[in-house]
Amino acid sequence: MNVQDPAQPGQGRQSVPQQVSFDRGELGCILSLYGRMVAAGEWRDYGLSCLRDVAVFSVFRRTAEHPLYRIEKRPKLRDRQGQYAVIGMDGRILKRGHDLKTVLRVLERKLIRAVDD
């Protein structure tokens, strides 16, 4: 039985990445929204986790509490529902899709309501 190591190049398989992360454009889009929400007084802190299967940008109202929202990137879901998701504090998926800007619009509406109040 011949077992190929997927980490070795030239074997016909793609190497599996060690961790998932947001690229510069994705982070720019997320941080732009984050800055506007901080200016509106809605958000105060964030956390960033880059794991094997998912990258997570967590948003907090205060440092020592559970995140208000999690913005997740799961490349394995790219061909299904979409690799980006916004998840609420209660674990509900608020929006999922293939385009990060479109997915983040669910939080943009909350910014518009916060500014109007």
C-alpha atoms as a PDB file:
ATOM      1  CA  MET A   1       0.000   0.000   0.000  1.00  0.00           C
ATOM      2  CA  ASN A   2       1.471   3.337  -1.087  1.00  0.00           C
ATOM      3  CA  VAL A   3       0.349   6.341   0.988  1.00  0.00           C
ATOM      4  CA  GLN A   4       1.195   9.782  -0.322  1.00  0.00           C
ATOM      5  CA  ASP A   5       2.010  12.612   2.047  1.00  0.00           C
ATOM      6  CA  PRO A   6      -0.251  15.562   1.052  1.00  0.00           C
ATOM      7  CA  ALA A   7       2.328  18.030   2.400  1.00  0.00           C
ATOM      8  CA  GLN A   8       4.953  17.026  -0.162  1.00  0.00           C
ATOM      9  CA  PRO A   9       4.786  19.014  -3.425  1.00  0.00           C
ATOM     10  CA  GLY A  10       4.493  17.324  -6.771  1.00  0.00           C
ATOM     11  CA  GLN A  11       2.448  14.403  -5.481  1.00  0.00           C
ATOM     12  CA  GLY A  12      -0.773  15.505  -7.226  1.00  0.00           C
ATOM     13  CA  ARG A  13      -2.506  16.683  -4.061  1.00  0.00           C
ATOM     14  CA  GLN A  14      -2.797  20.182  -2.686  1.00  0.00           C
ATOM     15  CA  SER A  15      -1.226  20.733   0.703  1.00  0.00           C
ATOM     16  CA  VAL A  16      -3.650  21.381   3.522  1.00  0.00           C
ATOM     17  CA  PRO A  17      -3.145  24.834   5.089  1.00  0.00           C
ATOM     18  CA  GLN A  18      -2.143  24.842   8.754  1.00  0.00           C
ATOM     19  CA  GLN A  19      -4.702  27.516   9.584  1.00  0.00           C
ATOM     20  CA  VAL A  20      -7.394  29.640   8.001  1.00  0.00           C
ATOM     21  CA  SER A  21      -6.951  33.413   8.101  1.00  0.00           C
ATOM     22  CA  PHE A  22      -8.494  36.555   6.680  1.00  0.00           C
ATOM     23  CA  ASP A  23      -6.526  38.159   3.847  1.00  0.00           C
ATOM     24  CA  ARG A  24      -5.686  41.858   3.743  1.00  0.00           C
ATOM     25  CA  GLY A  25      -8.778  42.836   1.740  1.00  0.00           C
ATOM     26  CA  GLU A  26     -11.119  40.906   4.027  1.00  0.00           C
ATOM     27  CA  LEU A  27      -9.558  42.437   7.139  1.00  0.00           C
ATOM     28  CA  GLY A  28      -9.800  45.901   5.584  1.00  0.00           C
ATOM     29  CA  CYS A  29     -13.524  45.420   5.003  1.00  0.00           C
ATOM     30  CA  ILE A  30     -14.114  44.104   8.537  1.00  0.00           C
ATOM     31  CA  LEU A  31     -11.976  46.772  10.226  1.00  0.00           C
ATOM     32  CA  SER A  32     -13.716  49.525   8.273  1.00  0.00           C
ATOM     33  CA  LEU A  33     -17.062  48.423   9.714  1.00  0.00           C
ATOM     34  CA  TYR A  34     -15.482  47.934  13.140  1.00  0.00           C
ATOM     35  CA  GLY A  35     -14.115  51.500  13.152  1.00  0.00           C
ATOM     36  CA  ARG A  36     -17.508  52.969  12.295  1.00  0.00           C
ATOM     37  CA  MET A  37     -19.214  50.936  15.014  1.00  0.00           C
ATOM     38  CA  VAL A  38     -16.607  52.036  17.582  1.00  0.00           C
ATOM     39  CA  ALA A  39     -17.162  55.670  16.541  1.00  0.00           C
ATOM     40  CA  ALA A  40     -20.907  55.160  17.040  1.00  0.00           C
ATOM     41  CA  GLY A  41     -20.222  53.797  20.544  1.00  0.00           C
ATOM     42  CA  GLU A  42     -21.629  50.333  19.798  1.00  0.00           C
ATOM     43  CA  TRP A  43     -18.465  48.209  19.884  1.00  0.00           C
ATOM     44  CA  ARG A  44     -15.376  48.532  22.069  1.00  0.00           C
ATOM     45  CA  ASP A  45     -13.088  45.531  21.524  1.00  0.00           C
ATOM     46  CA  TYR A  46     -12.387  42.670  19.164  1.00  0.00           C
ATOM     47  CA  GLY A  47     -10.593  39.344  19.071  1.00  0.00           C
ATOM     48  CA  LEU A  48      -9.101  37.463  16.135  1.00  0.00           C
ATOM     49  CA  SER A  49      -8.658  33.681  16.000  1.00  0.00           C
ATOM     50  CA  CYS A  50      -7.061  31.774  13.138  1.00  0.00           C
ATOM     51  CA  LEU A  51      -7.725  28.061  13.557  1.00  0.00           C
ATOM     52  CA  ARG A  52      -7.339  24.998  11.343  1.00  0.00           C
ATOM     53  CA  ASP A  53     -10.873  25.104   9.851  1.00  0.00           C
ATOM     54  CA  VAL A  54     -12.103  28.613  10.602  1.00  0.00           C
ATOM     55  CA  ALA A  55     -10.972  32.204  11.051  1.00  0.00           C
ATOM     56  CA  VAL A  56     -13.071  34.206  13.524  1.00  0.00           C
ATOM     57  CA  PHE A  57     -13.299  37.959  14.119  1.00  0.00           C
ATOM     58  CA  SER A  58     -15.209  38.408  17.389  1.00  0.00           C
ATOM     59  CA  VAL A  59     -16.762  41.755  18.368  1.00  0.00           C
ATOM     60  CA  PHE A  60     -17.315  42.784  21.990  1.00  0.00           C
ATOM     61  CA  ARG A  61     -19.210  45.601  23.679  1.00  0.00           C
ATOM     62  CA  ARG A  62     -16.916  45.205  26.707  1.00  0.00           C
ATOM     63  CA  THR A  63     -13.656  43.289  26.995  1.00  0.00           C
ATOM     64  CA  ALA A  64     -14.718  40.760  29.626  1.00  0.00           C
ATOM     65  CA  GLU A  65     -17.900  39.369  28.130  1.00  0.00           C
ATOM     66  CA  HIS A  66     -19.114  37.079  25.371  1.00  0.00           C
ATOM     67  CA  PRO A  67     -18.867  38.409  21.823  1.00  0.00           C
ATOM     68  CA  LEU A  68     -21.839  40.299  20.407  1.00  0.00           C
ATOM     69  CA  TYR A  69     -21.074  38.984  16.924  1.00  0.00           C
ATOM     70  CA  ARG A  70     -18.665  36.591  15.273  1.00  0.00           C
ATOM     71  CA  ILE A  71     -17.616  37.041  11.661  1.00  0.00           C
ATOM     72  CA  GLU A  72     -16.432  33.658  10.430  1.00  0.00           C
ATOM     73  CA  LYS A  73     -14.598  32.431   7.374  1.00  0.00           C
ATOM     74  CA  ARG A  74     -14.930  28.693   6.657  1.00  0.00           C
ATOM     75  CA  PRO A  75     -13.344  27.833   3.294  1.00  0.00           C
ATOM     76  CA  LYS A  76     -14.795  24.308   3.364  1.00  0.00           C
ATOM     77  CA  LEU A  77     -18.265  25.849   2.895  1.00  0.00           C
ATOM     78  CA  ARG A  78     -17.159  27.881  -0.153  1.00  0.00           C
ATOM     79  CA  ASP A  79     -19.018  25.630  -2.615  1.00  0.00           C
ATOM     80  CA  ARG A  80     -22.128  25.265  -0.456  1.00  0.00           C
ATOM     81  CA  GLN A  81     -23.759  28.127   1.488  1.00  0.00           C
ATOM     82  CA  GLY A  82     -20.729  30.405   1.258  1.00  0.00           C
ATOM     83  CA  GLN A  83     -17.588  30.700   3.319  1.00  0.00           C
ATOM     84  CA  TYR A  84     -18.548  33.867   5.258  1.00  0.00           C
ATOM     85  CA  ALA A  85     -21.055  34.090   8.115  1.00  0.00           C
ATOM     86  CA  VAL A  86     -22.151  36.562  10.780  1.00  0.00           C
ATOM     87  CA  ILE A  87     -23.235  34.805  13.961  1.00  0.00           C
ATOM     88  CA  GLY A  88     -25.095  36.487  16.815  1.00  0.00           C
ATOM     89  CA  MET A  89     -24.424  36.210  20.539  1.00  0.00           C
ATOM     90  CA  ASP A  90     -27.059  33.476  20.856  1.00  0.00           C
ATOM     91  CA  GLY A  91     -25.411  31.338  18.149  1.00  0.00           C
ATOM     92  CA  ARG A  92     -27.902  32.088  15.381  1.00  0.00           C
ATOM     93  CA  ILE A  93     -26.505  32.621  11.909  1.00  0.00           C
ATOM     94  CA  LEU A  94     -27.674  36.110  10.931  1.00  0.00           C
ATOM     95  CA  LYS A  95     -26.286  36.019   7.390  1.00  0.00           C
ATOM     96  CA  ARG A  96     -24.201  33.604   5.322  1.00  0.00           C
ATOM     97  CA  GLY A  97     -22.847  34.013   1.818  1.00  0.00           C
ATOM     98  CA  HIS A  98     -20.059  34.018  -0.730  1.00  0.00           C
ATOM     99  CA  ASP A  99     -19.295  37.763  -0.634  1.00  0.00           C
ATOM    100  CA  LEU A 100     -17.996  39.278   2.611  1.00  0.00           C
ATOM    101  CA  LYS A 101     -19.332  42.785   1.914  1.00  0.00           C
ATOM    102  CA  THR A 102     -22.813  41.401   1.317  1.00  0.00           C
ATOM    103  CA  VAL A 103     -22.695  39.341   4.503  1.00  0.00           C
ATOM    104  CA  LEU A 104     -21.538  42.330   6.570  1.00  0.00           C
ATOM    105  CA  ARG A 105     -24.574  44.371   5.442  1.00  0.00           C
ATOM    106  CA  VAL A 106     -26.596  42.721   8.209  1.00  0.00           C
ATOM    107  CA  LEU A 107     -24.367  44.626  10.667  1.00  0.00           C
ATOM    108  CA  GLU A 108     -24.454  47.830   8.576  1.00  0.00           C
ATOM    109  CA  ARG A 109     -28.199  48.025   9.208  1.00  0.00           C
ATOM    110  CA  LYS A 110     -27.522  47.944  12.938  1.00  0.00           C
ATOM    111  CA  LEU A 111     -25.082  50.867  12.474  1.00  0.00           C
ATOM    112  CA  ILE A 112     -27.719  52.911  10.658  1.00  0.00           C
ATOM    113  CA  ARG A 113     -30.211  52.253  13.481  1.00  0.00           C
ATOM    114  CA  ALA A 114     -27.601  53.200  16.120  1.00  0.00           C
ATOM    115  CA  VAL A 115     -26.847  56.508  14.369  1.00  0.00           C
ATOM    116  CA  ASP A 116     -30.555  57.321  13.973  1.00  0.00           C
ATOM    117  CA  ASP A 117     -31.263  56.823  17.707  1.00  0.00           C
END
